[in-house]
Amino acid sequence: MSNRLKRTLVSAARGAAMVLGLTTIWMIRGASPAGVAPWAVGFAVLFAAITWYTWWFYGDSPKALALQAKAEAKAIQGLGR
């Protein structure tokens, strides 16, 4: 399994766990499904965007590769201190 796929699946799993956890907590505290649905959908969209960005960031586009190189250079510079 490629690094890109692993990181994307982990990001998606984290998002799903957060939405499920928040929805469960809200429902236990007495919120109605009609009150929880907009927030749950909003968080699901947010985590879907984060997952898409993760997929893009670890891809092969020139912009993504430039961002990866910049992040690696910054990490190496931080280790050299």
PDB file of N, CA and C in Angstrom:
ATOM      1  N   MET A   1       0.853  -1.174   0.000  1.00  0.00           N
ATOM      2  CA  MET A   1       0.000   0.000   0.000  1.00  0.00           C
ATOM      3  C   MET A   1       0.900   1.239   0.000  1.00  0.00           C
ATOM      4  N   SER A   2       0.572   2.169  -0.851  1.00  0.00           N
ATOM      5  CA  SER A   2       1.397   3.367  -0.976  1.00  0.00           C
ATOM      6  C   SER A   2       1.213   4.303   0.223  1.00  0.00           C
ATOM      7  N   ASN A   3       2.214   5.136   0.425  1.00  0.00           N
ATOM      8  CA  ASN A   3       2.168   6.123   1.510  1.00  0.00           C
ATOM      9  C   ASN A   3       0.967   7.054   1.337  1.00  0.00           C
ATOM     10  N   ARG A   4       0.707   7.438   0.086  1.00  0.00           N
ATOM     11  CA  ARG A   4      -0.408   8.338  -0.209  1.00  0.00           C
ATOM     12  C   ARG A   4      -1.739   7.714   0.228  1.00  0.00           C
ATOM     13  N   LEU A   5      -1.935   6.460  -0.129  1.00  0.00           N
ATOM     14  CA  LEU A   5      -3.181   5.775   0.205  1.00  0.00           C
ATOM     15  C   LEU A   5      -3.313   5.572   1.716  1.00  0.00           C
ATOM     16  N   LYS A   6      -2.209   5.188   2.371  1.00  0.00           N
ATOM     17  CA  LYS A   6      -2.243   4.999   3.828  1.00  0.00           C
ATOM     18  C   LYS A   6      -2.637   6.274   4.556  1.00  0.00           C
ATOM     19  N   ARG A   7      -1.976   7.368   4.206  1.00  0.00           N
ATOM     20  CA  ARG A   7      -2.256   8.637   4.876  1.00  0.00           C
ATOM     21  C   ARG A   7      -3.681   9.122   4.607  1.00  0.00           C
ATOM     22  N   THR A   8      -4.162   8.893   3.391  1.00  0.00           N
ATOM     23  CA  THR A   8      -5.520   9.305   3.056  1.00  0.00           C
ATOM     24  C   THR A   8      -6.537   8.479   3.836  1.00  0.00           C
ATOM     25  N   LEU A   9      -6.326   7.172   3.916  1.00  0.00           N
ATOM     26  CA  LEU A   9      -7.253   6.316   4.666  1.00  0.00           C
ATOM     27  C   LEU A   9      -7.242   6.654   6.159  1.00  0.00           C
ATOM     28  N   VAL A  10      -6.073   6.953   6.699  1.00  0.00           N
ATOM     29  CA  VAL A  10      -5.988   7.350   8.112  1.00  0.00           C
ATOM     30  C   VAL A  10      -6.738   8.665   8.326  1.00  0.00           C
ATOM     31  N   SER A  11      -6.582   9.594   7.415  1.00  0.00           N
ATOM     32  CA  SER A  11      -7.289  10.876   7.515  1.00  0.00           C
ATOM     33  C   SER A  11      -8.801  10.668   7.459  1.00  0.00           C
ATOM     34  N   ALA A  12      -9.253   9.820   6.542  1.00  0.00           N
ATOM     35  CA  ALA A  12     -10.690   9.544   6.429  1.00  0.00           C
ATOM     36  C   ALA A  12     -11.215   8.839   7.681  1.00  0.00           C
ATOM     37  N   ALA A  13     -10.442   7.900   8.214  1.00  0.00           N
ATOM     38  CA  ALA A  13     -10.867   7.179   9.419  1.00  0.00           C
ATOM     39  C   ALA A  13     -10.943   8.126  10.621  1.00  0.00           C
ATOM     40  N   ARG A  14      -9.966   9.030  10.731  1.00  0.00           N
ATOM     41  CA  ARG A  14     -10.000  10.017  11.819  1.00  0.00           C
ATOM     42  C   ARG A  14     -11.243  10.897  11.732  1.00  0.00           C
ATOM     43  N   GLY A  15     -11.534  11.362  10.522  1.00  0.00           N
ATOM     44  CA  GLY A  15     -12.706  12.201  10.321  1.00  0.00           C
ATOM     45  C   GLY A  15     -13.990  11.473  10.657  1.00  0.00           C
ATOM     46  N   ALA A  16     -14.103  10.224  10.201  1.00  0.00           N
ATOM     47  CA  ALA A  16     -15.301   9.434  10.492  1.00  0.00           C
ATOM     48  C   ALA A  16     -15.452   9.199  11.993  1.00  0.00           C
ATOM     49  N   ALA A  17     -14.339   8.905  12.653  1.00  0.00           N
ATOM     50  CA  ALA A  17     -14.386   8.686  14.103  1.00  0.00           C
ATOM     51  C   ALA A  17     -14.805   9.958  14.839  1.00  0.00           C
ATOM     52  N   MET A  18     -14.294  11.101  14.394  1.00  0.00           N
ATOM     53  CA  MET A  18     -14.659  12.369  15.045  1.00  0.00           C
ATOM     54  C   MET A  18     -16.145  12.673  14.862  1.00  0.00           C
ATOM     55  N   VAL A  19     -16.654  12.515  13.649  1.00  0.00           N
ATOM     56  CA  VAL A  19     -18.068  12.794  13.398  1.00  0.00           C
ATOM     57  C   VAL A  19     -18.938  11.833  14.202  1.00  0.00           C
ATOM     58  N   LEU A  20     -18.585  10.554  14.196  1.00  0.00           N
ATOM     59  CA  LEU A  20     -19.352   9.567  14.959  1.00  0.00           C
ATOM     60  C   LEU A  20     -19.296   9.869  16.455  1.00  0.00           C
ATOM     61  N   GLY A  21     -18.093  10.196  16.952  1.00  0.00           N
ATOM     62  CA  GLY A  21     -17.941  10.503  18.371  1.00  0.00           C
ATOM     63  C   GLY A  21     -18.719  11.745  18.792  1.00  0.00           C
ATOM     64  N   LEU A  22     -18.602  12.811  18.007  1.00  0.00           N
ATOM     65  CA  LEU A  22     -19.334  14.040  18.335  1.00  0.00           C
ATOM     66  C   LEU A  22     -20.843  13.822  18.280  1.00  0.00           C
ATOM     67  N   THR A  23     -21.309  13.115  17.265  1.00  0.00           N
ATOM     68  CA  THR A  23     -22.741  12.846  17.145  1.00  0.00           C
ATOM     69  C   THR A  23     -23.235  12.021  18.324  1.00  0.00           C
ATOM     70  N   THR A  24     -22.452  11.021  18.709  1.00  0.00           N
ATOM     71  CA  THR A  24     -22.830  10.180  19.852  1.00  0.00           C
ATOM     72  C   THR A  24     -22.902  11.002  21.134  1.00  0.00           C
ATOM     73  N   ILE A  25     -21.910  11.831  21.370  1.00  0.00           N
ATOM     74  CA  ILE A  25     -21.892  12.660  22.576  1.00  0.00           C
ATOM     75  C   ILE A  25     -23.094  13.600  22.596  1.00  0.00           C
ATOM     76  N   TRP A  26     -23.376  14.246  21.450  1.00  0.00           N
ATOM     77  CA  TRP A  26     -24.512  15.165  21.392  1.00  0.00           C
ATOM     78  C   TRP A  26     -25.835  14.435  21.634  1.00  0.00           C
ATOM     79  N   MET A  27     -25.974  13.238  21.068  1.00  0.00           N
ATOM     80  CA  MET A  27     -27.222  12.485  21.233  1.00  0.00           C
ATOM     81  C   MET A  27     -27.382  12.012  22.682  1.00  0.00           C
ATOM     82  N   ILE A  28     -26.279  11.611  23.326  1.00  0.00           N
ATOM     83  CA  ILE A  28     -26.337  11.184  24.726  1.00  0.00           C
ATOM     84  C   ILE A  28     -26.754  12.347  25.624  1.00  0.00           C
ATOM     85  N   ARG A  29     -26.311  13.542  25.276  1.00  0.00           N
ATOM     86  CA  ARG A  29     -26.643  14.722  26.078  1.00  0.00           C
ATOM     87  C   ARG A  29     -28.043  15.258  25.795  1.00  0.00           C
ATOM     88  N   GLY A  30     -28.791  14.573  24.937  1.00  0.00           N
ATOM     89  CA  GLY A  30     -30.188  14.937  24.749  1.00  0.00           C
ATOM     90  C   GLY A  30     -30.502  15.772  23.527  1.00  0.00           C
ATOM     91  N   ALA A  31     -29.580  15.925  22.620  1.00  0.00           N
ATOM     92  CA  ALA A  31     -29.863  16.707  21.418  1.00  0.00           C
ATOM     93  C   ALA A  31     -30.781  15.910  20.495  1.00  0.00           C
ATOM     94  N   SER A  32     -31.599  16.621  19.768  1.00  0.00           N
ATOM     95  CA  SER A  32     -32.488  15.949  18.824  1.00  0.00           C
ATOM     96  C   SER A  32     -31.728  15.679  17.525  1.00  0.00           C
ATOM     97  N   PRO A  33     -32.139  14.657  16.780  1.00  0.00           N
ATOM     98  CA  PRO A  33     -31.479  14.378  15.500  1.00  0.00           C
ATOM     99  C   PRO A  33     -31.541  15.571  14.544  1.00  0.00           C
ATOM    100  N   ALA A  34     -32.630  16.332  14.593  1.00  0.00           N
ATOM    101  CA  ALA A  34     -32.751  17.507  13.725  1.00  0.00           C
ATOM    102  C   ALA A  34     -31.740  18.586  14.119  1.00  0.00           C
ATOM    103  N   GLY A  35     -31.377  18.651  15.376  1.00  0.00           N
ATOM    104  CA  GLY A  35     -30.397  19.633  15.831  1.00  0.00           C
ATOM    105  C   GLY A  35     -28.965  19.190  15.568  1.00  0.00           C
ATOM    106  N   VAL A  36     -28.752  17.887  15.529  1.00  0.00           N
ATOM    107  CA  VAL A  36     -27.407  17.355  15.334  1.00  0.00           C
ATOM    108  C   VAL A  36     -27.047  17.270  13.851  1.00  0.00           C
ATOM    109  N   ALA A  37     -28.021  16.989  13.004  1.00  0.00           N
ATOM    110  CA  ALA A  37     -27.759  16.727  11.581  1.00  0.00           C
ATOM    111  C   ALA A  37     -26.959  17.837  10.879  1.00  0.00           C
ATOM    112  N   PRO A  38     -27.331  19.110  11.026  1.00  0.00           N
ATOM    113  CA  PRO A  38     -26.547  20.137  10.321  1.00  0.00           C
ATOM    114  C   PRO A  38     -25.081  20.182  10.762  1.00  0.00           C
ATOM    115  N   TRP A  39     -24.855  20.025  12.048  1.00  0.00           N
ATOM    116  CA  TRP A  39     -23.477  20.032  12.552  1.00  0.00           C
ATOM    117  C   TRP A  39     -22.723  18.807  12.064  1.00  0.00           C
ATOM    118  N   ALA A  40     -23.371  17.652  12.104  1.00  0.00           N
ATOM    119  CA  ALA A  40     -22.719  16.422  11.651  1.00  0.00           C
ATOM    120  C   ALA A  40     -22.371  16.509  10.166  1.00  0.00           C
ATOM    121  N   VAL A  41     -23.285  17.031   9.375  1.00  0.00           N
ATOM    122  CA  VAL A  41     -23.019  17.183   7.939  1.00  0.00           C
ATOM    123  C   VAL A  41     -21.886  18.190   7.720  1.00  0.00           C
ATOM    124  N   GLY A  42     -21.893  19.275   8.464  1.00  0.00           N
ATOM    125  CA  GLY A  42     -20.826  20.270   8.347  1.00  0.00           C
ATOM    126  C   GLY A  42     -19.459  19.690   8.672  1.00  0.00           C
ATOM    127  N   PHE A  43     -19.387  18.943   9.766  1.00  0.00           N
ATOM    128  CA  PHE A  43     -18.117  18.319  10.131  1.00  0.00           C
ATOM    129  C   PHE A  43     -17.716  17.256   9.110  1.00  0.00           C
ATOM    130  N   ALA A  44     -18.676  16.511   8.577  1.00  0.00           N
ATOM    131  CA  ALA A  44     -18.372  15.505   7.556  1.00  0.00           C
ATOM    132  C   ALA A  44     -17.786  16.166   6.309  1.00  0.00           C
ATOM    133  N   VAL A  45     -18.343  17.301   5.917  1.00  0.00           N
ATOM    134  CA  VAL A  45     -17.817  18.032   4.754  1.00  0.00           C
ATOM    135  C   VAL A  45     -16.408  18.544   5.053  1.00  0.00           C
ATOM    136  N   LEU A  46     -16.196  19.071   6.247  1.00  0.00           N
ATOM    137  CA  LEU A  46     -14.867  19.552   6.637  1.00  0.00           C
ATOM    138  C   LEU A  46     -13.840  18.426   6.574  1.00  0.00           C
ATOM    139  N   PHE A  47     -14.162  17.274   7.150  1.00  0.00           N
ATOM    140  CA  PHE A  47     -13.211  16.170   7.150  1.00  0.00           C
ATOM    141  C   PHE A  47     -13.038  15.572   5.759  1.00  0.00           C
ATOM    142  N   ALA A  48     -14.066  15.641   4.923  1.00  0.00           N
ATOM    143  CA  ALA A  48     -13.910  15.201   3.532  1.00  0.00           C
ATOM    144  C   ALA A  48     -12.926  16.117   2.796  1.00  0.00           C
ATOM    145  N   ALA A  49     -13.008  17.415   3.072  1.00  0.00           N
ATOM    146  CA  ALA A  49     -12.065  18.363   2.459  1.00  0.00           C
ATOM    147  C   ALA A  49     -10.641  18.099   2.943  1.00  0.00           C
ATOM    148  N   ILE A  50     -10.479  17.795   4.216  1.00  0.00           N
ATOM    149  CA  ILE A  50      -9.157  17.481   4.758  1.00  0.00           C
ATOM    150  C   ILE A  50      -8.613  16.205   4.120  1.00  0.00           C
ATOM    151  N   THR A  51      -9.484  15.215   3.935  1.00  0.00           N
ATOM    152  CA  THR A  51      -9.072  13.963   3.296  1.00  0.00           C
ATOM    153  C   THR A  51      -8.665  14.208   1.846  1.00  0.00           C
ATOM    154  N   TRP A  52      -9.439  15.022   1.130  1.00  0.00           N
ATOM    155  CA  TRP A  52      -9.092  15.351  -0.247  1.00  0.00           C
ATOM    156  C   TRP A  52      -7.738  16.065  -0.296  1.00  0.00           C
ATOM    157  N   TYR A  53      -7.514  16.999   0.611  1.00  0.00           N
ATOM    158  CA  TYR A  53      -6.239  17.718   0.650  1.00  0.00           C
ATOM    159  C   TYR A  53      -5.079  16.760   0.925  1.00  0.00           C
ATOM    160  N   THR A  54      -5.293  15.806   1.818  1.00  0.00           N
ATOM    161  CA  THR A  54      -4.256  14.817   2.106  1.00  0.00           C
ATOM    162  C   THR A  54      -3.930  14.019   0.849  1.00  0.00           C
ATOM    163  N   TRP A  55      -4.972  13.593   0.120  1.00  0.00           N
ATOM    164  CA  TRP A  55      -4.762  12.853  -1.127  1.00  0.00           C
ATOM    165  C   TRP A  55      -3.988  13.713  -2.125  1.00  0.00           C
ATOM    166  N   TRP A  56      -4.342  14.977  -2.235  1.00  0.00           N
ATOM    167  CA  TRP A  56      -3.679  15.883  -3.172  1.00  0.00           C
ATOM    168  C   TRP A  56      -2.236  16.137  -2.751  1.00  0.00           C
ATOM    169  N   PHE A  57      -2.013  16.400  -1.453  1.00  0.00           N
ATOM    170  CA  PHE A  57      -0.689  16.764  -0.956  1.00  0.00           C
ATOM    171  C   PHE A  57       0.329  15.658  -1.218  1.00  0.00           C
ATOM    172  N   TYR A  58      -0.090  14.410  -1.067  1.00  0.00           N
ATOM    173  CA  TYR A  58       0.834  13.295  -1.280  1.00  0.00           C
ATOM    174  C   TYR A  58       0.803  12.782  -2.720  1.00  0.00           C
ATOM    175  N   GLY A  59       0.261  13.566  -3.635  1.00  0.00           N
ATOM    176  CA  GLY A  59       0.186  13.191  -5.044  1.00  0.00           C
ATOM    177  C   GLY A  59       1.422  13.605  -5.815  1.00  0.00           C
ATOM    178  N   ASP A  60       1.296  13.611  -7.140  1.00  0.00           N
ATOM    179  CA  ASP A  60       2.433  13.867  -8.008  1.00  0.00           C
ATOM    180  C   ASP A  60       2.391  15.215  -8.712  1.00  0.00           C
ATOM    181  N   SER A  61       1.461  16.074  -8.360  1.00  0.00           N
ATOM    182  CA  SER A  61       1.388  17.359  -9.051  1.00  0.00           C
ATOM    183  C   SER A  61       2.594  18.218  -8.674  1.00  0.00           C
ATOM    184  N   PRO A  62       3.026  19.104  -9.569  1.00  0.00           N
ATOM    185  CA  PRO A  62       4.199  19.938  -9.280  1.00  0.00           C
ATOM    186  C   PRO A  62       4.036  20.801  -8.029  1.00  0.00           C
ATOM    187  N   LYS A  63       2.828  21.326  -7.829  1.00  0.00           N
ATOM    188  CA  LYS A  63       2.598  22.144  -6.631  1.00  0.00           C
ATOM    189  C   LYS A  63       2.735  21.309  -5.363  1.00  0.00           C
ATOM    190  N   ALA A  64       2.172  20.104  -5.380  1.00  0.00           N
ATOM    191  CA  ALA A  64       2.251  19.232  -4.206  1.00  0.00           C
ATOM    192  C   ALA A  64       3.692  18.835  -3.935  1.00  0.00           C
ATOM    193  N   LEU A  65       4.435  18.526  -4.977  1.00  0.00           N
ATOM    194  CA  LEU A  65       5.840  18.153  -4.794  1.00  0.00           C
ATOM    195  C   LEU A  65       6.655  19.318  -4.235  1.00  0.00           C
ATOM    196  N   ALA A  66       6.347  20.537  -4.678  1.00  0.00           N
ATOM    197  CA  ALA A  66       7.043  21.715  -4.157  1.00  0.00           C
ATOM    198  C   ALA A  66       6.728  21.907  -2.673  1.00  0.00           C
ATOM    199  N   LEU A  67       5.467  21.704  -2.289  1.00  0.00           N
ATOM    200  CA  LEU A  67       5.098  21.829  -0.877  1.00  0.00           C
ATOM    201  C   LEU A  67       5.778  20.760  -0.032  1.00  0.00           C
ATOM    202  N   GLN A  68       5.856  19.532  -0.556  1.00  0.00           N
ATOM    203  CA  GLN A  68       6.533  18.463   0.172  1.00  0.00           C
ATOM    204  C   GLN A  68       8.013  18.784   0.370  1.00  0.00           C
ATOM    205  N   ALA A  69       8.666  19.279  -0.685  1.00  0.00           N
ATOM    206  CA  ALA A  69      10.086  19.626  -0.589  1.00  0.00           C
ATOM    207  C   ALA A  69      10.303  20.742   0.429  1.00  0.00           C
ATOM    208  N   LYS A  70       9.401  21.710   0.428  1.00  0.00           N
ATOM    209  CA  LYS A  70       9.513  22.823   1.378  1.00  0.00           C
ATOM    210  C   LYS A  70       9.355  22.312   2.812  1.00  0.00           C
ATOM    211  N   ALA A  71       8.385  21.416   3.039  1.00  0.00           N
ATOM    212  CA  ALA A  71       8.166  20.860   4.384  1.00  0.00           C
ATOM    213  C   ALA A  71       9.366  20.027   4.829  1.00  0.00           C
ATOM    214  N   GLU A  72       9.944  19.245   3.911  1.00  0.00           N
ATOM    215  CA  GLU A  72      11.122  18.443   4.256  1.00  0.00           C
ATOM    216  C   GLU A  72      12.325  19.323   4.571  1.00  0.00           C
ATOM    217  N   ALA A  73      12.508  20.396   3.797  1.00  0.00           N
ATOM    218  CA  ALA A  73      13.627  21.305   4.056  1.00  0.00           C
ATOM    219  C   ALA A  73      13.482  21.982   5.405  1.00  0.00           C
ATOM    220  N   LYS A  74      12.262  22.346   5.730  1.00  0.00           N
ATOM    221  CA  LYS A  74      12.008  22.976   7.023  1.00  0.00           C
ATOM    222  C   LYS A  74      12.289  21.998   8.160  1.00  0.00           C
ATOM    223  N   ALA A  75      11.911  20.731   7.979  1.00  0.00           N
ATOM    224  CA  ALA A  75      12.160  19.711   9.012  1.00  0.00           C
ATOM    225  C   ALA A  75      13.654  19.468   9.181  1.00  0.00           C
ATOM    226  N   ILE A  76      14.367  19.419   8.076  1.00  0.00           N
ATOM    227  CA  ILE A  76      15.812  19.212   8.151  1.00  0.00           C
ATOM    228  C   ILE A  76      16.494  20.405   8.805  1.00  0.00           C
ATOM    229  N   GLN A  77      16.050  21.603   8.480  1.00  0.00           N
ATOM    230  CA  GLN A  77      16.618  22.812   9.078  1.00  0.00           C
ATOM    231  C   GLN A  77      16.374  22.805  10.581  1.00  0.00           C
ATOM    232  N   GLY A  78      15.200  22.356  11.003  1.00  0.00           N
ATOM    233  CA  GLY A  78      14.877  22.293  12.435  1.00  0.00           C
ATOM    234  C   GLY A  78      15.738  21.281  13.172  1.00  0.00           C
ATOM    235  N   LEU A  79      16.118  20.203  12.490  1.00  0.00           N
ATOM    236  CA  LEU A  79      16.972  19.194  13.112  1.00  0.00           C
ATOM    237  C   LEU A  79      18.417  19.667  13.239  1.00  0.00           C
ATOM    238  N   GLY A  80      18.823  20.582  12.372  1.00  0.00           N
ATOM    239  CA  GLY A  80      20.195  21.059  12.373  1.00  0.00           C
ATOM    240  C   GLY A  80      20.511  22.076  13.456  1.00  0.00           C
ATOM    241  N   ARG A  81      19.545  22.507  14.193  1.00  0.00           N
ATOM    242  CA  ARG A  81      19.780  23.531  15.212  1.00  0.00           C
ATOM    243  C   ARG A  81      20.567  23.021  16.366  1.00  0.00           C
TER     244      ARG A  81
END
